[in-house]
Amino acid sequence: MDEKRFIELALTNEVNREILKRLPSLGLADAWLVSGSLFQTVWNALTGRAPDYGIKDYDIFYFDADTSFEAEDAAIRRCAEIFAATDAEIELKNQARVHLWYEQKFGTAYPPLRSSCEGIDRFLAPACMVGIAPDRRVYAPHGFADIETMTIRPNRAPNFSAERYAEKAARWKEKWPELTVLPA
């Protein structure tokens, strides 16, 4: 699968298209639609399922040097307004702030990031490591092979957790039994 085919399949999901269309109106720097809603939509296309089947939420990353809770909260409120009519759970995260709360929530240290793409680099599996910007730029540091072959393998990023990997892989395997899940 090449980048063009990946975009084509990911955009069969109407919510993905709407997010990318409306995302610039949030005025957020380094904003990307990332991970699950993209690779899972592709899995759905490959397996003949509805484009939004099994998608829990739609994640948007951005990067703002203002790491205050108040600044991120204001962005989350703007996001909720802009996507109020969208029938989907949309989660917005400032990647500049992740290191401030990650260890408390997940029990693993999380070194500070310098961009949204560095946040994508920290996902649990290479198949998850994808993002599309509103201008249709794609970030996929490991390409699309694992998405196309529906293979989940661990990404040994600094925040890797075998427990979280196993939890997510089990959920995905339940929804998409065609997956091949490699051990952590």
N, C-alpha and C. Protein backbone atom coordinates (compact mmCIF):
# COMPACT_ATOMS: atom_id res chain seq x y z
N MET A 1 0.86 -1.17 0.00
CA MET A 1 0.00 0.00 0.00
C MET A 1 0.90 1.24 0.00
N ASP A 2 0.56 2.17 -0.84
CA ASP A 2 1.32 3.42 -0.87
C ASP A 2 0.52 4.51 -0.17
N GLU A 3 1.13 5.68 -0.06
CA GLU A 3 0.50 6.79 0.66
C GLU A 3 -0.83 7.21 0.04
N LYS A 4 -0.88 7.24 -1.28
CA LYS A 4 -2.11 7.65 -1.96
C LYS A 4 -3.26 6.70 -1.61
N ARG A 5 -3.00 5.40 -1.65
CA ARG A 5 -4.03 4.40 -1.32
C ARG A 5 -4.42 4.50 0.15
N PHE A 6 -3.45 4.72 1.03
CA PHE A 6 -3.75 4.88 2.45
C PHE A 6 -4.72 6.05 2.66
N ILE A 7 -4.43 7.20 2.06
CA ILE A 7 -5.30 8.37 2.20
C ILE A 7 -6.69 8.06 1.65
N GLU A 8 -6.72 7.45 0.48
CA GLU A 8 -8.00 7.13 -0.15
C GLU A 8 -8.86 6.26 0.78
N LEU A 9 -8.27 5.23 1.35
CA LEU A 9 -9.03 4.33 2.23
C LEU A 9 -9.38 5.01 3.55
N ALA A 10 -8.45 5.76 4.14
CA ALA A 10 -8.72 6.44 5.42
C ALA A 10 -9.86 7.45 5.27
N LEU A 11 -9.98 8.04 4.09
CA LEU A 11 -11.01 9.06 3.88
C LEU A 11 -12.35 8.48 3.44
N THR A 12 -12.46 7.14 3.41
CA THR A 12 -13.79 6.55 3.21
C THR A 12 -14.65 6.76 4.46
N ASN A 13 -14.01 7.10 5.57
CA ASN A 13 -14.72 7.38 6.82
C ASN A 13 -15.12 8.86 6.82
N GLU A 14 -16.42 9.10 6.83
CA GLU A 14 -16.95 10.46 6.78
C GLU A 14 -16.46 11.33 7.93
N VAL A 15 -16.31 10.74 9.11
CA VAL A 15 -15.84 11.52 10.27
C VAL A 15 -14.40 11.98 10.04
N ASN A 16 -13.56 11.12 9.53
CA ASN A 16 -12.18 11.52 9.21
C ASN A 16 -12.19 12.70 8.24
N ARG A 17 -13.02 12.64 7.21
CA ARG A 17 -13.09 13.74 6.24
C ARG A 17 -13.54 15.04 6.91
N GLU A 18 -14.56 14.96 7.76
CA GLU A 18 -15.06 16.15 8.44
C GLU A 18 -14.01 16.75 9.38
N ILE A 19 -13.32 15.90 10.10
CA ILE A 19 -12.28 16.41 11.01
C ILE A 19 -11.21 17.15 10.22
N LEU A 20 -10.73 16.55 9.15
CA LEU A 20 -9.68 17.21 8.37
C LEU A 20 -10.17 18.49 7.72
N LYS A 21 -11.43 18.54 7.36
CA LYS A 21 -12.02 19.75 6.76
C LYS A 21 -12.12 20.88 7.78
N ARG A 22 -12.54 20.55 9.01
CA ARG A 22 -12.80 21.58 10.03
C ARG A 22 -11.59 21.88 10.92
N LEU A 23 -10.61 21.01 10.93
CA LEU A 23 -9.46 21.16 11.83
C LEU A 23 -8.76 22.51 11.70
N PRO A 24 -8.55 23.06 10.50
CA PRO A 24 -7.88 24.36 10.42
C PRO A 24 -8.62 25.48 11.16
N SER A 25 -9.93 25.38 11.29
CA SER A 25 -10.68 26.43 11.98
C SER A 25 -10.38 26.49 13.47
N LEU A 26 -9.74 25.46 14.01
CA LEU A 26 -9.33 25.50 15.42
C LEU A 26 -8.11 26.40 15.63
N GLY A 27 -7.36 26.65 14.57
CA GLY A 27 -6.18 27.52 14.67
C GLY A 27 -5.06 26.93 15.51
N LEU A 28 -4.91 25.63 15.48
CA LEU A 28 -3.90 24.96 16.29
C LEU A 28 -2.65 24.65 15.46
N ALA A 29 -1.50 24.85 16.07
CA ALA A 29 -0.23 24.56 15.39
C ALA A 29 0.03 23.06 15.35
N ASP A 30 0.63 22.61 14.27
CA ASP A 30 1.09 21.23 14.14
C ASP A 30 -0.04 20.24 14.43
N ALA A 31 -1.22 20.48 13.84
CA ALA A 31 -2.41 19.67 14.11
C ALA A 31 -2.52 18.49 13.13
N TRP A 32 -2.83 17.32 13.67
CA TRP A 32 -2.92 16.09 12.90
C TRP A 32 -4.07 15.23 13.42
N LEU A 33 -4.78 14.59 12.52
CA LEU A 33 -5.67 13.48 12.87
C LEU A 33 -4.78 12.26 12.90
N VAL A 34 -4.84 11.48 13.99
CA VAL A 34 -3.84 10.43 14.18
C VAL A 34 -4.46 9.07 14.51
N SER A 35 -3.70 8.06 14.22
CA SER A 35 -3.81 6.71 14.72
C SER A 35 -5.09 5.95 14.40
N GLY A 36 -5.81 5.52 15.43
CA GLY A 36 -6.89 4.55 15.32
C GLY A 36 -7.92 4.82 14.26
N SER A 37 -8.44 6.03 14.20
CA SER A 37 -9.48 6.31 13.21
C SER A 37 -8.95 6.17 11.78
N LEU A 38 -7.66 6.26 11.62
CA LEU A 38 -7.05 6.11 10.30
C LEU A 38 -6.76 4.65 9.98
N PHE A 39 -5.94 3.99 10.81
CA PHE A 39 -5.58 2.61 10.47
C PHE A 39 -6.76 1.67 10.60
N GLN A 40 -7.68 1.95 11.52
CA GLN A 40 -8.85 1.07 11.66
C GLN A 40 -9.82 1.25 10.49
N THR A 41 -9.95 2.46 9.96
CA THR A 41 -10.76 2.66 8.77
C THR A 41 -10.18 1.87 7.61
N VAL A 42 -8.85 1.86 7.49
CA VAL A 42 -8.21 1.08 6.42
C VAL A 42 -8.47 -0.40 6.63
N TRP A 43 -8.34 -0.88 7.88
CA TRP A 43 -8.66 -2.29 8.15
C TRP A 43 -10.10 -2.60 7.73
N ASN A 44 -11.00 -1.67 8.02
CA ASN A 44 -12.40 -1.89 7.67
C ASN A 44 -12.57 -2.00 6.16
N ALA A 45 -11.88 -1.16 5.41
CA ALA A 45 -11.94 -1.23 3.95
C ALA A 45 -11.37 -2.56 3.45
N LEU A 46 -10.28 -3.00 4.06
CA LEU A 46 -9.64 -4.25 3.64
C LEU A 46 -10.48 -5.48 3.96
N THR A 47 -11.33 -5.38 4.98
CA THR A 47 -12.11 -6.54 5.42
C THR A 47 -13.60 -6.43 5.09
N GLY A 48 -13.98 -5.38 4.35
CA GLY A 48 -15.36 -5.25 3.93
C GLY A 48 -16.33 -4.79 5.00
N ARG A 49 -15.83 -4.14 6.04
CA ARG A 49 -16.69 -3.63 7.10
C ARG A 49 -17.04 -2.16 6.83
N ALA A 50 -18.04 -1.66 7.55
CA ALA A 50 -18.39 -0.24 7.46
C ALA A 50 -17.18 0.60 7.86
N PRO A 51 -16.98 1.76 7.23
CA PRO A 51 -15.79 2.57 7.51
C PRO A 51 -15.56 2.91 8.98
N ASP A 52 -16.62 3.09 9.75
CA ASP A 52 -16.47 3.49 11.15
C ASP A 52 -16.59 2.33 12.14
N TYR A 53 -16.66 1.11 11.64
CA TYR A 53 -16.79 -0.06 12.51
C TYR A 53 -15.63 -0.12 13.51
N GLY A 54 -15.95 -0.34 14.78
CA GLY A 54 -14.94 -0.59 15.81
C GLY A 54 -14.14 0.61 16.27
N ILE A 55 -14.38 1.78 15.71
CA ILE A 55 -13.58 2.95 16.07
C ILE A 55 -14.15 3.56 17.34
N LYS A 56 -13.32 3.57 18.38
CA LYS A 56 -13.74 4.07 19.70
C LYS A 56 -13.78 5.59 19.74
N ASP A 57 -12.74 6.21 19.18
CA ASP A 57 -12.67 7.67 19.19
C ASP A 57 -11.75 8.15 18.08
N TYR A 58 -11.72 9.45 17.93
CA TYR A 58 -10.94 10.11 16.88
C TYR A 58 -9.97 11.06 17.58
N ASP A 59 -8.68 10.79 17.43
CA ASP A 59 -7.65 11.55 18.15
C ASP A 59 -7.03 12.62 17.26
N ILE A 60 -6.93 13.81 17.84
CA ILE A 60 -6.27 14.93 17.19
C ILE A 60 -5.11 15.35 18.08
N PHE A 61 -3.93 15.42 17.49
CA PHE A 61 -2.74 15.94 18.17
C PHE A 61 -2.45 17.34 17.65
N TYR A 62 -1.96 18.18 18.55
CA TYR A 62 -1.42 19.49 18.15
C TYR A 62 -0.27 19.78 19.09
N PHE A 63 0.49 20.82 18.77
CA PHE A 63 1.64 21.16 19.60
C PHE A 63 1.64 22.65 19.88
N ASP A 64 1.46 22.99 21.16
CA ASP A 64 1.43 24.38 21.60
C ASP A 64 2.38 24.51 22.78
N ALA A 65 3.34 25.40 22.68
CA ALA A 65 4.33 25.59 23.75
C ALA A 65 3.69 26.06 25.05
N ASP A 66 2.48 26.60 24.99
CA ASP A 66 1.76 26.96 26.21
C ASP A 66 1.23 25.67 26.82
N THR A 67 1.91 25.18 27.84
CA THR A 67 1.55 23.89 28.44
C THR A 67 0.59 24.02 29.61
N SER A 68 -0.03 25.17 29.74
CA SER A 68 -0.98 25.34 30.84
C SER A 68 -2.24 24.51 30.59
N PHE A 69 -2.82 24.04 31.66
CA PHE A 69 -4.08 23.32 31.58
C PHE A 69 -5.14 24.20 30.93
N GLU A 70 -5.14 25.48 31.30
CA GLU A 70 -6.14 26.41 30.80
C GLU A 70 -6.10 26.54 29.27
N ALA A 71 -4.91 26.60 28.71
CA ALA A 71 -4.78 26.73 27.25
C ALA A 71 -5.31 25.48 26.54
N GLU A 72 -4.95 24.30 27.05
CA GLU A 72 -5.45 23.07 26.43
C GLU A 72 -6.95 22.95 26.62
N ASP A 73 -7.44 23.30 27.79
CA ASP A 73 -8.88 23.24 28.05
C ASP A 73 -9.64 24.16 27.10
N ALA A 74 -9.13 25.34 26.84
CA ALA A 74 -9.78 26.27 25.90
C ALA A 74 -9.81 25.65 24.50
N ALA A 75 -8.73 25.00 24.09
CA ALA A 75 -8.69 24.34 22.78
C ALA A 75 -9.69 23.19 22.73
N ILE A 76 -9.80 22.44 23.80
CA ILE A 76 -10.77 21.33 23.87
C ILE A 76 -12.20 21.86 23.76
N ARG A 77 -12.48 22.97 24.42
CA ARG A 77 -13.83 23.57 24.33
C ARG A 77 -14.13 24.04 22.91
N ARG A 78 -13.14 24.68 22.24
CA ARG A 78 -13.33 25.11 20.85
C ARG A 78 -13.58 23.89 19.96
N CYS A 79 -12.83 22.84 20.20
CA CYS A 79 -12.99 21.60 19.43
C CYS A 79 -14.40 21.04 19.60
N ALA A 80 -14.89 21.02 20.84
CA ALA A 80 -16.23 20.50 21.12
C ALA A 80 -17.29 21.31 20.37
N GLU A 81 -17.10 22.62 20.31
CA GLU A 81 -18.05 23.48 19.58
C GLU A 81 -18.02 23.20 18.09
N ILE A 82 -16.83 23.13 17.53
CA ILE A 82 -16.69 22.95 16.09
C ILE A 82 -17.21 21.59 15.63
N PHE A 83 -17.05 20.58 16.49
CA PHE A 83 -17.46 19.23 16.11
C PHE A 83 -18.74 18.77 16.83
N ALA A 84 -19.51 19.72 17.37
CA ALA A 84 -20.71 19.38 18.14
C ALA A 84 -21.69 18.53 17.34
N ALA A 85 -21.82 18.78 16.06
CA ALA A 85 -22.78 18.04 15.24
C ALA A 85 -22.23 16.70 14.74
N THR A 86 -20.97 16.44 15.02
CA THR A 86 -20.35 15.19 14.57
C THR A 86 -20.69 14.09 15.57
N ASP A 87 -21.20 13.00 15.07
CA ASP A 87 -21.59 11.89 15.94
C ASP A 87 -20.38 10.98 16.19
N ALA A 88 -19.42 11.50 16.94
CA ALA A 88 -18.21 10.75 17.24
C ALA A 88 -17.52 11.36 18.44
N GLU A 89 -16.79 10.53 19.17
CA GLU A 89 -15.99 11.03 20.29
C GLU A 89 -14.65 11.51 19.72
N ILE A 90 -14.37 12.78 19.93
CA ILE A 90 -13.14 13.37 19.42
C ILE A 90 -12.30 13.81 20.60
N GLU A 91 -11.04 13.34 20.63
CA GLU A 91 -10.13 13.68 21.73
C GLU A 91 -8.99 14.51 21.19
N LEU A 92 -8.79 15.66 21.82
CA LEU A 92 -7.76 16.60 21.42
C LEU A 92 -6.68 16.63 22.50
N LYS A 93 -5.41 16.51 22.09
CA LYS A 93 -4.30 16.50 23.06
C LYS A 93 -3.15 17.37 22.57
N ASN A 94 -2.72 18.28 23.45
CA ASN A 94 -1.53 19.07 23.20
C ASN A 94 -0.31 18.21 23.53
N GLN A 95 0.45 17.86 22.52
CA GLN A 95 1.60 16.97 22.72
C GLN A 95 2.71 17.62 23.55
N ALA A 96 2.72 18.93 23.65
CA ALA A 96 3.70 19.60 24.51
C ALA A 96 3.42 19.37 25.99
N ARG A 97 2.21 18.93 26.32
CA ARG A 97 1.80 18.72 27.72
C ARG A 97 1.86 17.27 28.18
N VAL A 98 1.99 16.32 27.29
CA VAL A 98 1.82 14.90 27.65
C VAL A 98 2.75 14.48 28.78
N HIS A 99 3.99 14.94 28.75
CA HIS A 99 4.94 14.53 29.78
C HIS A 99 4.52 15.00 31.18
N LEU A 100 3.63 15.98 31.25
CA LEU A 100 3.20 16.51 32.55
C LEU A 100 2.21 15.60 33.27
N TRP A 101 1.48 14.77 32.54
CA TRP A 101 0.45 13.93 33.16
C TRP A 101 0.60 12.43 32.88
N TYR A 102 1.38 12.05 31.90
CA TYR A 102 1.44 10.66 31.43
C TYR A 102 1.86 9.68 32.53
N GLU A 103 2.92 9.99 33.23
CA GLU A 103 3.42 9.05 34.24
C GLU A 103 2.40 8.82 35.34
N GLN A 104 1.72 9.85 35.77
CA GLN A 104 0.70 9.70 36.81
C GLN A 104 -0.45 8.81 36.32
N LYS A 105 -0.82 8.98 35.05
CA LYS A 105 -1.95 8.22 34.51
C LYS A 105 -1.57 6.78 34.16
N PHE A 106 -0.37 6.58 33.57
CA PHE A 106 -0.01 5.27 33.06
C PHE A 106 1.15 4.59 33.79
N GLY A 107 1.80 5.29 34.73
CA GLY A 107 2.86 4.68 35.52
C GLY A 107 4.19 4.52 34.81
N THR A 108 4.36 5.19 33.68
CA THR A 108 5.58 5.10 32.89
C THR A 108 6.05 6.51 32.57
N ALA A 109 7.33 6.75 32.71
CA ALA A 109 7.89 8.07 32.38
C ALA A 109 7.65 8.36 30.90
N TYR A 110 7.54 9.64 30.58
CA TYR A 110 7.29 10.06 29.21
C TYR A 110 8.12 11.31 28.94
N PRO A 111 9.25 11.16 28.27
CA PRO A 111 10.10 12.32 28.00
C PRO A 111 9.34 13.39 27.20
N PRO A 112 9.64 14.66 27.41
CA PRO A 112 8.97 15.74 26.68
C PRO A 112 9.14 15.59 25.17
N LEU A 113 8.14 16.05 24.46
CA LEU A 113 8.13 16.01 23.00
C LEU A 113 8.43 17.38 22.42
N ARG A 114 8.84 17.41 21.15
CA ARG A 114 9.09 18.67 20.45
C ARG A 114 8.15 18.91 19.29
N SER A 115 7.26 17.94 19.03
CA SER A 115 6.31 18.07 17.93
C SER A 115 5.22 17.02 18.05
N SER A 116 4.16 17.22 17.30
CA SER A 116 3.10 16.21 17.26
C SER A 116 3.60 14.90 16.66
N CYS A 117 4.47 15.00 15.66
CA CYS A 117 4.99 13.78 15.03
C CYS A 117 5.79 12.94 16.02
N GLU A 118 6.48 13.58 16.95
CA GLU A 118 7.18 12.80 17.99
C GLU A 118 6.17 12.06 18.86
N GLY A 119 4.99 12.61 19.04
CA GLY A 119 3.93 11.91 19.76
C GLY A 119 3.46 10.68 19.00
N ILE A 120 3.33 10.82 17.69
CA ILE A 120 2.95 9.68 16.84
C ILE A 120 4.01 8.59 16.95
N ASP A 121 5.28 8.99 17.03
CA ASP A 121 6.38 8.03 17.15
C ASP A 121 6.29 7.17 18.41
N ARG A 122 5.53 7.61 19.40
CA ARG A 122 5.45 6.90 20.68
C ARG A 122 4.27 5.93 20.77
N PHE A 123 3.48 5.79 19.72
CA PHE A 123 2.37 4.84 19.78
C PHE A 123 2.87 3.43 19.99
N LEU A 124 2.02 2.56 20.51
CA LEU A 124 2.40 1.21 20.93
C LEU A 124 2.83 0.27 19.81
N ALA A 125 2.37 0.53 18.58
CA ALA A 125 2.69 -0.37 17.46
C ALA A 125 2.91 0.45 16.20
N PRO A 126 3.80 -0.01 15.31
CA PRO A 126 4.02 0.71 14.06
C PRO A 126 2.75 0.92 13.23
N ALA A 127 1.81 -0.02 13.28
CA ALA A 127 0.56 0.14 12.54
C ALA A 127 -0.23 1.36 13.02
N CYS A 128 -0.02 1.75 14.26
CA CYS A 128 -0.72 2.89 14.86
C CYS A 128 -0.06 4.22 14.51
N MET A 129 1.15 4.17 14.04
CA MET A 129 1.98 5.36 13.89
C MET A 129 1.73 6.06 12.55
N VAL A 130 0.53 6.67 12.46
CA VAL A 130 0.15 7.39 11.26
C VAL A 130 -0.61 8.66 11.64
N GLY A 131 -0.48 9.66 10.79
CA GLY A 131 -1.23 10.90 10.97
C GLY A 131 -1.45 11.55 9.62
N ILE A 132 -2.58 12.24 9.52
CA ILE A 132 -2.87 13.03 8.32
C ILE A 132 -3.16 14.45 8.77
N ALA A 133 -2.47 15.41 8.16
CA ALA A 133 -2.69 16.83 8.43
C ALA A 133 -3.82 17.32 7.51
N PRO A 134 -4.44 18.44 7.85
CA PRO A 134 -5.53 18.96 7.01
C PRO A 134 -5.13 19.19 5.55
N ASP A 135 -3.86 19.48 5.30
CA ASP A 135 -3.41 19.69 3.91
C ASP A 135 -3.07 18.38 3.20
N ARG A 136 -3.41 17.27 3.84
CA ARG A 136 -3.24 15.89 3.35
C ARG A 136 -1.79 15.40 3.39
N ARG A 137 -0.93 16.12 4.11
CA ARG A 137 0.40 15.55 4.37
C ARG A 137 0.20 14.33 5.26
N VAL A 138 1.00 13.32 5.04
CA VAL A 138 0.92 12.10 5.83
C VAL A 138 2.23 11.91 6.57
N TYR A 139 2.11 11.52 7.83
CA TYR A 139 3.29 11.12 8.60
C TYR A 139 3.10 9.65 8.94
N ALA A 140 4.00 8.82 8.46
CA ALA A 140 3.96 7.38 8.70
C ALA A 140 5.39 6.88 8.75
N PRO A 141 6.07 7.02 9.90
CA PRO A 141 7.50 6.72 9.98
C PRO A 141 7.86 5.27 9.66
N HIS A 142 6.92 4.36 9.77
CA HIS A 142 7.19 2.95 9.45
C HIS A 142 6.42 2.50 8.22
N GLY A 143 5.87 3.45 7.50
CA GLY A 143 5.14 3.10 6.28
C GLY A 143 3.79 2.47 6.58
N PHE A 144 3.29 1.71 5.61
CA PHE A 144 1.93 1.19 5.68
C PHE A 144 1.85 -0.33 5.64
N ALA A 145 2.99 -1.01 5.61
CA ALA A 145 3.00 -2.48 5.47
C ALA A 145 2.23 -3.17 6.60
N ASP A 146 2.46 -2.76 7.85
CA ASP A 146 1.76 -3.41 8.96
C ASP A 146 0.26 -3.14 8.94
N ILE A 147 -0.13 -1.98 8.44
CA ILE A 147 -1.56 -1.68 8.31
C ILE A 147 -2.15 -2.59 7.24
N GLU A 148 -1.49 -2.67 6.10
CA GLU A 148 -1.99 -3.47 4.99
C GLU A 148 -2.05 -4.96 5.33
N THR A 149 -1.05 -5.46 6.04
CA THR A 149 -1.04 -6.88 6.40
C THR A 149 -1.77 -7.16 7.72
N MET A 150 -2.30 -6.09 8.32
CA MET A 150 -3.04 -6.19 9.58
C MET A 150 -2.19 -6.88 10.65
N THR A 151 -0.97 -6.36 10.80
CA THR A 151 -0.02 -6.91 11.76
C THR A 151 0.22 -5.89 12.87
N ILE A 152 0.12 -6.37 14.10
CA ILE A 152 0.41 -5.55 15.27
C ILE A 152 1.69 -6.09 15.89
N ARG A 153 2.68 -5.20 15.96
CA ARG A 153 3.97 -5.55 16.58
C ARG A 153 4.34 -4.42 17.53
N PRO A 154 5.08 -4.73 18.59
CA PRO A 154 5.40 -3.69 19.56
C PRO A 154 6.36 -2.63 19.02
N ASN A 155 6.12 -1.40 19.44
CA ASN A 155 7.02 -0.28 19.18
C ASN A 155 7.75 -0.01 20.49
N ARG A 156 9.01 -0.21 20.52
CA ARG A 156 9.80 -0.09 21.76
C ARG A 156 10.16 1.37 22.06
N ALA A 157 9.17 2.23 22.05
CA ALA A 157 9.37 3.64 22.39
C ALA A 157 9.66 3.75 23.89
N PRO A 158 10.17 4.91 24.33
CA PRO A 158 10.51 5.07 25.75
C PRO A 158 9.33 4.82 26.70
N ASN A 159 8.12 4.99 26.24
CA ASN A 159 6.95 4.82 27.11
C ASN A 159 6.27 3.46 26.90
N PHE A 160 6.91 2.52 26.20
CA PHE A 160 6.26 1.25 25.89
C PHE A 160 5.84 0.51 27.16
N SER A 161 4.64 -0.03 27.12
CA SER A 161 4.11 -0.83 28.22
C SER A 161 3.55 -2.11 27.63
N ALA A 162 4.11 -3.24 28.02
CA ALA A 162 3.63 -4.54 27.53
C ALA A 162 2.17 -4.75 27.93
N GLU A 163 1.80 -4.27 29.11
CA GLU A 163 0.43 -4.42 29.59
C GLU A 163 -0.55 -3.64 28.71
N ARG A 164 -0.24 -2.38 28.43
CA ARG A 164 -1.11 -1.57 27.57
C ARG A 164 -1.16 -2.13 26.15
N TYR A 165 -0.01 -2.61 25.67
CA TYR A 165 0.05 -3.24 24.34
C TYR A 165 -0.90 -4.43 24.29
N ALA A 166 -0.83 -5.28 25.31
CA ALA A 166 -1.68 -6.47 25.35
C ALA A 166 -3.17 -6.09 25.42
N GLU A 167 -3.49 -5.09 26.21
CA GLU A 167 -4.89 -4.64 26.34
C GLU A 167 -5.43 -4.14 25.00
N LYS A 168 -4.68 -3.25 24.36
CA LYS A 168 -5.14 -2.70 23.09
C LYS A 168 -5.19 -3.77 22.01
N ALA A 169 -4.16 -4.60 21.94
CA ALA A 169 -4.13 -5.66 20.93
C ALA A 169 -5.32 -6.61 21.11
N ALA A 170 -5.68 -6.92 22.35
CA ALA A 170 -6.81 -7.81 22.60
C ALA A 170 -8.12 -7.17 22.13
N ARG A 171 -8.28 -5.89 22.39
CA ARG A 171 -9.49 -5.19 21.93
C ARG A 171 -9.57 -5.19 20.41
N TRP A 172 -8.44 -4.88 19.77
CA TRP A 172 -8.42 -4.85 18.31
C TRP A 172 -8.68 -6.24 17.73
N LYS A 173 -8.07 -7.27 18.31
CA LYS A 173 -8.23 -8.64 17.82
C LYS A 173 -9.69 -9.09 17.94
N GLU A 174 -10.36 -8.63 18.98
CA GLU A 174 -11.77 -8.96 19.15
C GLU A 174 -12.60 -8.35 18.01
N LYS A 175 -12.29 -7.12 17.63
CA LYS A 175 -13.02 -6.42 16.57
C LYS A 175 -12.59 -6.88 15.17
N TRP A 176 -11.31 -7.14 15.01
CA TRP A 176 -10.76 -7.54 13.72
C TRP A 176 -9.99 -8.85 13.89
N PRO A 177 -10.69 -9.99 13.89
CA PRO A 177 -10.02 -11.27 14.13
C PRO A 177 -8.97 -11.62 13.08
N GLU A 178 -8.97 -10.92 11.95
CA GLU A 178 -7.98 -11.15 10.90
C GLU A 178 -6.58 -10.69 11.31
N LEU A 179 -6.47 -9.92 12.38
CA LEU A 179 -5.17 -9.39 12.81
C LEU A 179 -4.19 -10.48 13.19
N THR A 180 -2.93 -10.19 12.94
CA THR A 180 -1.83 -10.99 13.48
C THR A 180 -1.20 -10.12 14.57
N VAL A 181 -1.20 -10.60 15.79
CA VAL A 181 -0.63 -9.85 16.90
C VAL A 181 0.65 -10.55 17.34
N LEU A 182 1.75 -9.84 17.26
CA LEU A 182 3.04 -10.38 17.69
C LEU A 182 3.23 -10.12 19.18
N PRO A 183 3.91 -11.02 19.89
CA PRO A 183 4.08 -10.85 21.34
C PRO A 183 4.88 -9.62 21.70
N ALA A 184 4.57 -9.10 22.87
CA ALA A 184 5.28 -7.92 23.37
C ALA A 184 6.65 -8.35 23.84
